[in-house]
Amino acid sequence: MVAFTKRQREIVNTAIQLIAEKGIQELTIKNLSKKIGIAESAIYRHFDSKFDILIGILTLFKDNINTLNRQILDMDLSPRAKLEVMLEQRFKYFSEKPTVAAVIFSEELFRNDSRLSKAVFEIMQENQNSMIGIISEGQAKGEFRKEVSAEELSFMIIGAVRLIVTRWRMTDFSFDLVEEGQKLWQTIKILIT
């Protein structure tokens, strides 16, 4: 877990608010300094660039997801229940923090900066590894089908989650994301058991 200073946390959270209000294109040091009410130079004392602020957003997301994953993995639940909780938590998290979803799923942002690409890839990999662990345990206990590898099942589930979250964002949050997540879980449950 990265320890941000109080000011760094304020800058990152304000960047998230700015993205939510005006879109990722409007995240500039100038706009950020205006929104916080400090000089641009004050922001540069805490972050070298806009990309470092985006890394900060991704780092907070990674820390939150890793904490949630550890809590889920430590629960005294069946693998099926753990997978359900994991999906439930993802949809709830994105529902409460739609801007984070916009940043995480913005491939265009990351294509030209290897640090951002690496940070997003690490988040995806750690999340997938947690899911593979749950699915593998479920397969070993006979809760989930074994005909499809845990890795392939995780790709299908993560892809479906991503598609639903992206559709939700692109339709201006026109449906209840958590409810759609519950519908997806019902379908996944049928397919994997």
C-alpha atoms as a PDB file:
ATOM      1  CA  MET A   1       0.000   0.000   0.000  1.00  0.00           C
ATOM      2  CA  VAL A   2       1.338   3.416  -0.997  1.00  0.00           C
ATOM      3  CA  ALA A   3       1.332   6.122   1.640  1.00  0.00           C
ATOM      4  CA  PHE A   4       0.119   9.366   0.115  1.00  0.00           C
ATOM      5  CA  THR A   5       0.507  12.636   1.970  1.00  0.00           C
ATOM      6  CA  LYS A   6      -2.664  14.491   2.859  1.00  0.00           C
ATOM      7  CA  ARG A   7      -2.083  16.939  -0.021  1.00  0.00           C
ATOM      8  CA  GLN A   8      -1.348  14.141  -2.520  1.00  0.00           C
ATOM      9  CA  ARG A   9      -4.569  12.396  -1.529  1.00  0.00           C
ATOM     10  CA  GLU A  10      -6.442  15.690  -1.962  1.00  0.00           C
ATOM     11  CA  ILE A  11      -4.929  16.150  -5.428  1.00  0.00           C
ATOM     12  CA  VAL A  12      -5.784  12.593  -6.495  1.00  0.00           C
ATOM     13  CA  ASN A  13      -9.356  12.803  -5.157  1.00  0.00           C
ATOM     14  CA  THR A  14      -9.870  16.200  -6.801  1.00  0.00           C
ATOM     15  CA  ALA A  15      -8.539  14.772 -10.074  1.00  0.00           C
ATOM     16  CA  ILE A  16     -11.135  12.014  -9.790  1.00  0.00           C
ATOM     17  CA  GLN A  17     -13.871  14.629  -9.213  1.00  0.00           C
ATOM     18  CA  LEU A  18     -12.649  16.699 -12.160  1.00  0.00           C
ATOM     19  CA  ILE A  19     -12.726  13.677 -14.451  1.00  0.00           C
ATOM     20  CA  ALA A  20     -16.243  12.857 -13.226  1.00  0.00           C
ATOM     21  CA  GLU A  21     -17.493  16.369 -13.899  1.00  0.00           C
ATOM     22  CA  LYS A  22     -15.734  17.256 -17.149  1.00  0.00           C
ATOM     23  CA  GLY A  23     -14.132  14.132 -18.567  1.00  0.00           C
ATOM     24  CA  ILE A  24     -10.597  12.869 -18.681  1.00  0.00           C
ATOM     25  CA  GLN A  25      -9.600  15.378 -21.356  1.00  0.00           C
ATOM     26  CA  GLU A  26     -10.102  18.208 -18.885  1.00  0.00           C
ATOM     27  CA  LEU A  27      -7.668  16.776 -16.386  1.00  0.00           C
ATOM     28  CA  THR A  28      -4.881  19.315 -16.647  1.00  0.00           C
ATOM     29  CA  ILE A  29      -2.625  20.739 -13.974  1.00  0.00           C
ATOM     30  CA  LYS A  30      -4.156  24.165 -14.652  1.00  0.00           C
ATOM     31  CA  ASN A  31      -7.747  22.945 -14.201  1.00  0.00           C
ATOM     32  CA  LEU A  32      -6.753  20.889 -11.179  1.00  0.00           C
ATOM     33  CA  SER A  33      -5.051  23.814  -9.460  1.00  0.00           C
ATOM     34  CA  LYS A  34      -8.122  26.001 -10.062  1.00  0.00           C
ATOM     35  CA  LYS A  35     -10.454  23.377  -8.622  1.00  0.00           C
ATOM     36  CA  ILE A  36      -8.322  22.908  -5.498  1.00  0.00           C
ATOM     37  CA  GLY A  37      -7.617  26.623  -5.177  1.00  0.00           C
ATOM     38  CA  ILE A  38      -3.830  26.390  -5.157  1.00  0.00           C
ATOM     39  CA  ALA A  39      -1.059  27.432  -7.538  1.00  0.00           C
ATOM     40  CA  GLU A  40       0.029  25.025 -10.273  1.00  0.00           C
ATOM     41  CA  SER A  41       3.499  25.003  -8.727  1.00  0.00           C
ATOM     42  CA  ALA A  42       1.996  23.591  -5.508  1.00  0.00           C
ATOM     43  CA  ILE A  43       0.725  20.580  -7.447  1.00  0.00           C
ATOM     44  CA  TYR A  44       4.145  20.074  -9.024  1.00  0.00           C
ATOM     45  CA  ARG A  45       5.644  19.846  -5.544  1.00  0.00           C
ATOM     46  CA  HIS A  46       3.608  16.668  -5.037  1.00  0.00           C
ATOM     47  CA  PHE A  47       3.393  15.176  -8.534  1.00  0.00           C
ATOM     48  CA  ASP A  48       5.771  15.639 -11.468  1.00  0.00           C
ATOM     49  CA  SER A  49       3.038  15.470 -14.107  1.00  0.00           C
ATOM     50  CA  LYS A  50      -0.559  14.661 -14.968  1.00  0.00           C
ATOM     51  CA  PHE A  51       0.556  11.104 -15.670  1.00  0.00           C
ATOM     52  CA  ASP A  52       1.867  10.806 -12.118  1.00  0.00           C
ATOM     53  CA  ILE A  53      -1.556  11.901 -10.865  1.00  0.00           C
ATOM     54  CA  LEU A  54      -3.166   9.223 -13.044  1.00  0.00           C
ATOM     55  CA  ILE A  55      -0.708   6.710 -11.569  1.00  0.00           C
ATOM     56  CA  GLY A  56      -1.915   7.922  -8.163  1.00  0.00           C
ATOM     57  CA  ILE A  57      -5.529   7.210  -9.132  1.00  0.00           C
ATOM     58  CA  LEU A  58      -4.561   3.759 -10.381  1.00  0.00           C
ATOM     59  CA  THR A  59      -2.545   3.093  -7.224  1.00  0.00           C
ATOM     60  CA  LEU A  60      -5.515   3.945  -5.004  1.00  0.00           C
ATOM     61  CA  PHE A  61      -7.721   1.687  -7.104  1.00  0.00           C
ATOM     62  CA  LYS A  62      -5.170  -1.130  -6.938  1.00  0.00           C
ATOM     63  CA  ASP A  63      -4.885  -0.804  -3.157  1.00  0.00           C
ATOM     64  CA  ASN A  64      -8.688  -0.842  -2.781  1.00  0.00           C
ATOM     65  CA  ILE A  65      -9.129  -3.863  -5.052  1.00  0.00           C
ATOM     66  CA  ASN A  66      -6.279  -5.774  -3.401  1.00  0.00           C
ATOM     67  CA  THR A  67      -7.796  -5.098   0.022  1.00  0.00           C
ATOM     68  CA  LEU A  68     -11.205  -6.313  -1.187  1.00  0.00           C
ATOM     69  CA  ASN A  69      -9.635  -9.407  -2.789  1.00  0.00           C
ATOM     70  CA  ARG A  70      -7.754 -10.314   0.404  1.00  0.00           C
ATOM     71  CA  GLN A  71     -10.934  -9.917   2.450  1.00  0.00           C
ATOM     72  CA  ILE A  72     -12.870 -12.119   0.037  1.00  0.00           C
ATOM     73  CA  LEU A  73     -10.162 -14.785  -0.125  1.00  0.00           C
ATOM     74  CA  ASP A  74     -10.007 -14.881   3.688  1.00  0.00           C
ATOM     75  CA  MET A  75     -13.770 -15.343   4.077  1.00  0.00           C
ATOM     76  CA  ASP A  76     -14.977 -18.684   5.344  1.00  0.00           C
ATOM     77  CA  LEU A  77     -17.199 -19.223   2.314  1.00  0.00           C
ATOM     78  CA  SER A  78     -17.471 -21.720  -0.494  1.00  0.00           C
ATOM     79  CA  PRO A  79     -15.664 -20.820  -3.732  1.00  0.00           C
ATOM     80  CA  ARG A  80     -19.055 -20.167  -5.368  1.00  0.00           C
ATOM     81  CA  ALA A  81     -19.983 -17.697  -2.626  1.00  0.00           C
ATOM     82  CA  LYS A  82     -16.539 -16.045  -2.824  1.00  0.00           C
ATOM     83  CA  LEU A  83     -16.889 -15.562  -6.577  1.00  0.00           C
ATOM     84  CA  GLU A  84     -20.362 -14.099  -6.087  1.00  0.00           C
ATOM     85  CA  VAL A  85     -19.062 -11.675  -3.449  1.00  0.00           C
ATOM     86  CA  MET A  86     -16.156 -10.709  -5.710  1.00  0.00           C
ATOM     87  CA  LEU A  87     -18.452  -9.828  -8.603  1.00  0.00           C
ATOM     88  CA  GLU A  88     -20.898  -8.074  -6.293  1.00  0.00           C
ATOM     89  CA  GLN A  89     -18.067  -5.963  -4.850  1.00  0.00           C
ATOM     90  CA  ARG A  90     -16.733  -4.992  -8.305  1.00  0.00           C
ATOM     91  CA  PHE A  91     -20.092  -3.777  -9.517  1.00  0.00           C
ATOM     92  CA  LYS A  92     -20.748  -1.951  -6.255  1.00  0.00           C
ATOM     93  CA  TYR A  93     -17.294  -0.320  -6.344  1.00  0.00           C
ATOM     94  CA  PHE A  94     -17.698   0.911  -9.921  1.00  0.00           C
ATOM     95  CA  SER A  95     -21.268   2.034  -9.197  1.00  0.00           C
ATOM     96  CA  GLU A  96     -20.009   4.162  -6.315  1.00  0.00           C
ATOM     97  CA  LYS A  97     -16.902   5.358  -8.192  1.00  0.00           C
ATOM     98  CA  PRO A  98     -17.798   5.633 -11.887  1.00  0.00           C
ATOM     99  CA  THR A  99     -14.842   7.899 -12.574  1.00  0.00           C
ATOM    100  CA  VAL A 100     -12.413   5.178 -11.546  1.00  0.00           C
ATOM    101  CA  ALA A 101     -14.055   2.911 -14.123  1.00  0.00           C
ATOM    102  CA  ALA A 102     -13.577   5.636 -16.743  1.00  0.00           C
ATOM    103  CA  VAL A 103      -9.878   5.844 -15.946  1.00  0.00           C
ATOM    104  CA  ILE A 104      -9.295   2.088 -15.656  1.00  0.00           C
ATOM    105  CA  PHE A 105     -11.051   1.316 -18.946  1.00  0.00           C
ATOM    106  CA  SER A 106      -9.468   4.144 -20.993  1.00  0.00           C
ATOM    107  CA  GLU A 107      -6.973   2.254 -23.122  1.00  0.00           C
ATOM    108  CA  GLU A 108      -6.258   5.360 -25.201  1.00  0.00           C
ATOM    109  CA  LEU A 109      -4.821   7.032 -22.119  1.00  0.00           C
ATOM    110  CA  PHE A 110      -2.381   4.244 -21.462  1.00  0.00           C
ATOM    111  CA  ARG A 111      -1.168   3.402 -24.935  1.00  0.00           C
ATOM    112  CA  ASN A 112       1.484   6.115 -25.046  1.00  0.00           C
ATOM    113  CA  ASP A 113       2.783   5.865 -21.497  1.00  0.00           C
ATOM    114  CA  SER A 114       4.426   2.627 -20.414  1.00  0.00           C
ATOM    115  CA  ARG A 115       4.041   3.475 -16.702  1.00  0.00           C
ATOM    116  CA  LEU A 116       0.265   3.769 -17.030  1.00  0.00           C
ATOM    117  CA  SER A 117       0.067   0.639 -19.182  1.00  0.00           C
ATOM    118  CA  LYS A 118       2.118  -1.288 -16.640  1.00  0.00           C
ATOM    119  CA  ALA A 119      -0.020  -0.058 -13.714  1.00  0.00           C
ATOM    120  CA  VAL A 120      -3.268  -1.066 -15.429  1.00  0.00           C
ATOM    121  CA  PHE A 121      -1.822  -4.425 -16.482  1.00  0.00           C
ATOM    122  CA  GLU A 122      -0.749  -5.156 -12.894  1.00  0.00           C
ATOM    123  CA  ILE A 123      -4.243  -4.368 -11.630  1.00  0.00           C
ATOM    124  CA  MET A 124      -5.776  -6.647 -14.254  1.00  0.00           C
ATOM    125  CA  GLN A 125      -3.297  -9.437 -13.548  1.00  0.00           C
ATOM    126  CA  GLU A 126      -3.719  -9.351  -9.765  1.00  0.00           C
ATOM    127  CA  ASN A 127      -7.487  -9.266 -10.101  1.00  0.00           C
ATOM    128  CA  GLN A 128      -7.448 -12.169 -12.545  1.00  0.00           C
ATOM    129  CA  ASN A 129      -5.092 -14.181 -10.333  1.00  0.00           C
ATOM    130  CA  SER A 130      -7.463 -13.793  -7.377  1.00  0.00           C
ATOM    131  CA  MET A 131     -10.362 -14.961  -9.522  1.00  0.00           C
ATOM    132  CA  ILE A 132      -8.362 -17.896 -10.929  1.00  0.00           C
ATOM    133  CA  GLY A 133      -7.582 -18.974  -7.366  1.00  0.00           C
ATOM    134  CA  ILE A 134     -11.263 -18.998  -6.426  1.00  0.00           C
ATOM    135  CA  ILE A 135     -12.294 -20.793  -9.608  1.00  0.00           C
ATOM    136  CA  SER A 136      -9.504 -23.384  -9.246  1.00  0.00           C
ATOM    137  CA  GLU A 137     -10.582 -24.064  -5.675  1.00  0.00           C
ATOM    138  CA  GLY A 138     -14.179 -24.431  -6.863  1.00  0.00           C
ATOM    139  CA  GLN A 139     -13.122 -26.858  -9.570  1.00  0.00           C
ATOM    140  CA  ALA A 140     -11.090 -28.902  -7.094  1.00  0.00           C
ATOM    141  CA  LYS A 141     -14.106 -29.112  -4.772  1.00  0.00           C
ATOM    142  CA  GLY A 142     -16.472 -30.026  -7.596  1.00  0.00           C
ATOM    143  CA  GLU A 143     -18.445 -26.763  -7.402  1.00  0.00           C
ATOM    144  CA  PHE A 144     -17.412 -25.596 -10.878  1.00  0.00           C
ATOM    145  CA  ARG A 145     -17.059 -27.373 -14.190  1.00  0.00           C
ATOM    146  CA  LYS A 146     -13.588 -28.615 -15.032  1.00  0.00           C
ATOM    147  CA  GLU A 147     -13.985 -28.747 -18.840  1.00  0.00           C
ATOM    148  CA  VAL A 148     -12.838 -25.128 -19.121  1.00  0.00           C
ATOM    149  CA  SER A 149      -9.655 -23.933 -17.426  1.00  0.00           C
ATOM    150  CA  ALA A 150      -9.868 -21.511 -14.523  1.00  0.00           C
ATOM    151  CA  GLU A 151      -7.875 -19.013 -16.576  1.00  0.00           C
ATOM    152  CA  GLU A 152     -10.307 -19.150 -19.511  1.00  0.00           C
ATOM    153  CA  LEU A 153     -13.305 -18.848 -17.186  1.00  0.00           C
ATOM    154  CA  SER A 154     -11.710 -15.816 -15.554  1.00  0.00           C
ATOM    155  CA  PHE A 155     -11.218 -14.201 -18.995  1.00  0.00           C
ATOM    156  CA  MET A 156     -14.897 -14.715 -19.803  1.00  0.00           C
ATOM    157  CA  ILE A 157     -16.087 -13.343 -16.466  1.00  0.00           C
ATOM    158  CA  ILE A 158     -13.761 -10.340 -16.455  1.00  0.00           C
ATOM    159  CA  GLY A 159     -14.665  -9.571 -20.072  1.00  0.00           C
ATOM    160  CA  ALA A 160     -18.378  -9.670 -19.254  1.00  0.00           C
ATOM    161  CA  VAL A 161     -17.886  -7.375 -16.241  1.00  0.00           C
ATOM    162  CA  ARG A 162     -15.880  -4.952 -18.350  1.00  0.00           C
ATOM    163  CA  LEU A 163     -18.509  -4.932 -21.117  1.00  0.00           C
ATOM    164  CA  ILE A 164     -21.355  -4.230 -18.694  1.00  0.00           C
ATOM    165  CA  VAL A 165     -19.439  -1.438 -16.933  1.00  0.00           C
ATOM    166  CA  THR A 166     -18.459   0.116 -20.282  1.00  0.00           C
ATOM    167  CA  ARG A 167     -22.066  -0.066 -21.554  1.00  0.00           C
ATOM    168  CA  TRP A 168     -23.240   1.539 -18.294  1.00  0.00           C
ATOM    169  CA  ARG A 169     -20.755   4.398 -18.704  1.00  0.00           C
ATOM    170  CA  MET A 170     -21.517   4.890 -22.406  1.00  0.00           C
ATOM    171  CA  THR A 171     -25.267   5.069 -21.776  1.00  0.00           C
ATOM    172  CA  ASP A 172     -24.726   7.785 -19.172  1.00  0.00           C
ATOM    173  CA  PHE A 173     -25.336   5.405 -16.251  1.00  0.00           C
ATOM    174  CA  SER A 174     -28.833   4.638 -17.549  1.00  0.00           C
ATOM    175  CA  PHE A 175     -29.286   1.394 -15.620  1.00  0.00           C
ATOM    176  CA  ASP A 176     -28.578  -0.007 -12.186  1.00  0.00           C
ATOM    177  CA  LEU A 177     -25.082  -1.437 -12.452  1.00  0.00           C
ATOM    178  CA  VAL A 178     -25.363  -3.563  -9.321  1.00  0.00           C
ATOM    179  CA  GLU A 179     -28.627  -5.092 -10.565  1.00  0.00           C
ATOM    180  CA  GLU A 180     -27.036  -5.908 -13.938  1.00  0.00           C
ATOM    181  CA  GLY A 181     -24.143  -7.479 -12.042  1.00  0.00           C
ATOM    182  CA  GLN A 182     -26.581  -9.714 -10.185  1.00  0.00           C
ATOM    183  CA  LYS A 183     -28.125 -10.818 -13.487  1.00  0.00           C
ATOM    184  CA  LEU A 184     -24.666 -11.585 -14.849  1.00  0.00           C
ATOM    185  CA  TRP A 185     -23.868 -13.664 -11.767  1.00  0.00           C
ATOM    186  CA  GLN A 186     -27.016 -15.749 -12.265  1.00  0.00           C
ATOM    187  CA  THR A 187     -25.922 -16.490 -15.829  1.00  0.00           C
ATOM    188  CA  ILE A 188     -22.330 -17.246 -14.839  1.00  0.00           C
ATOM    189  CA  LYS A 189     -23.543 -19.586 -12.132  1.00  0.00           C
ATOM    190  CA  ILE A 190     -25.532 -21.581 -14.679  1.00  0.00           C
ATOM    191  CA  LEU A 191     -22.588 -21.744 -17.087  1.00  0.00           C
ATOM    192  CA  ILE A 192     -19.897 -22.802 -14.652  1.00  0.00           C
ATOM    193  CA  THR A 193     -21.746 -25.296 -12.444  1.00  0.00           C
END
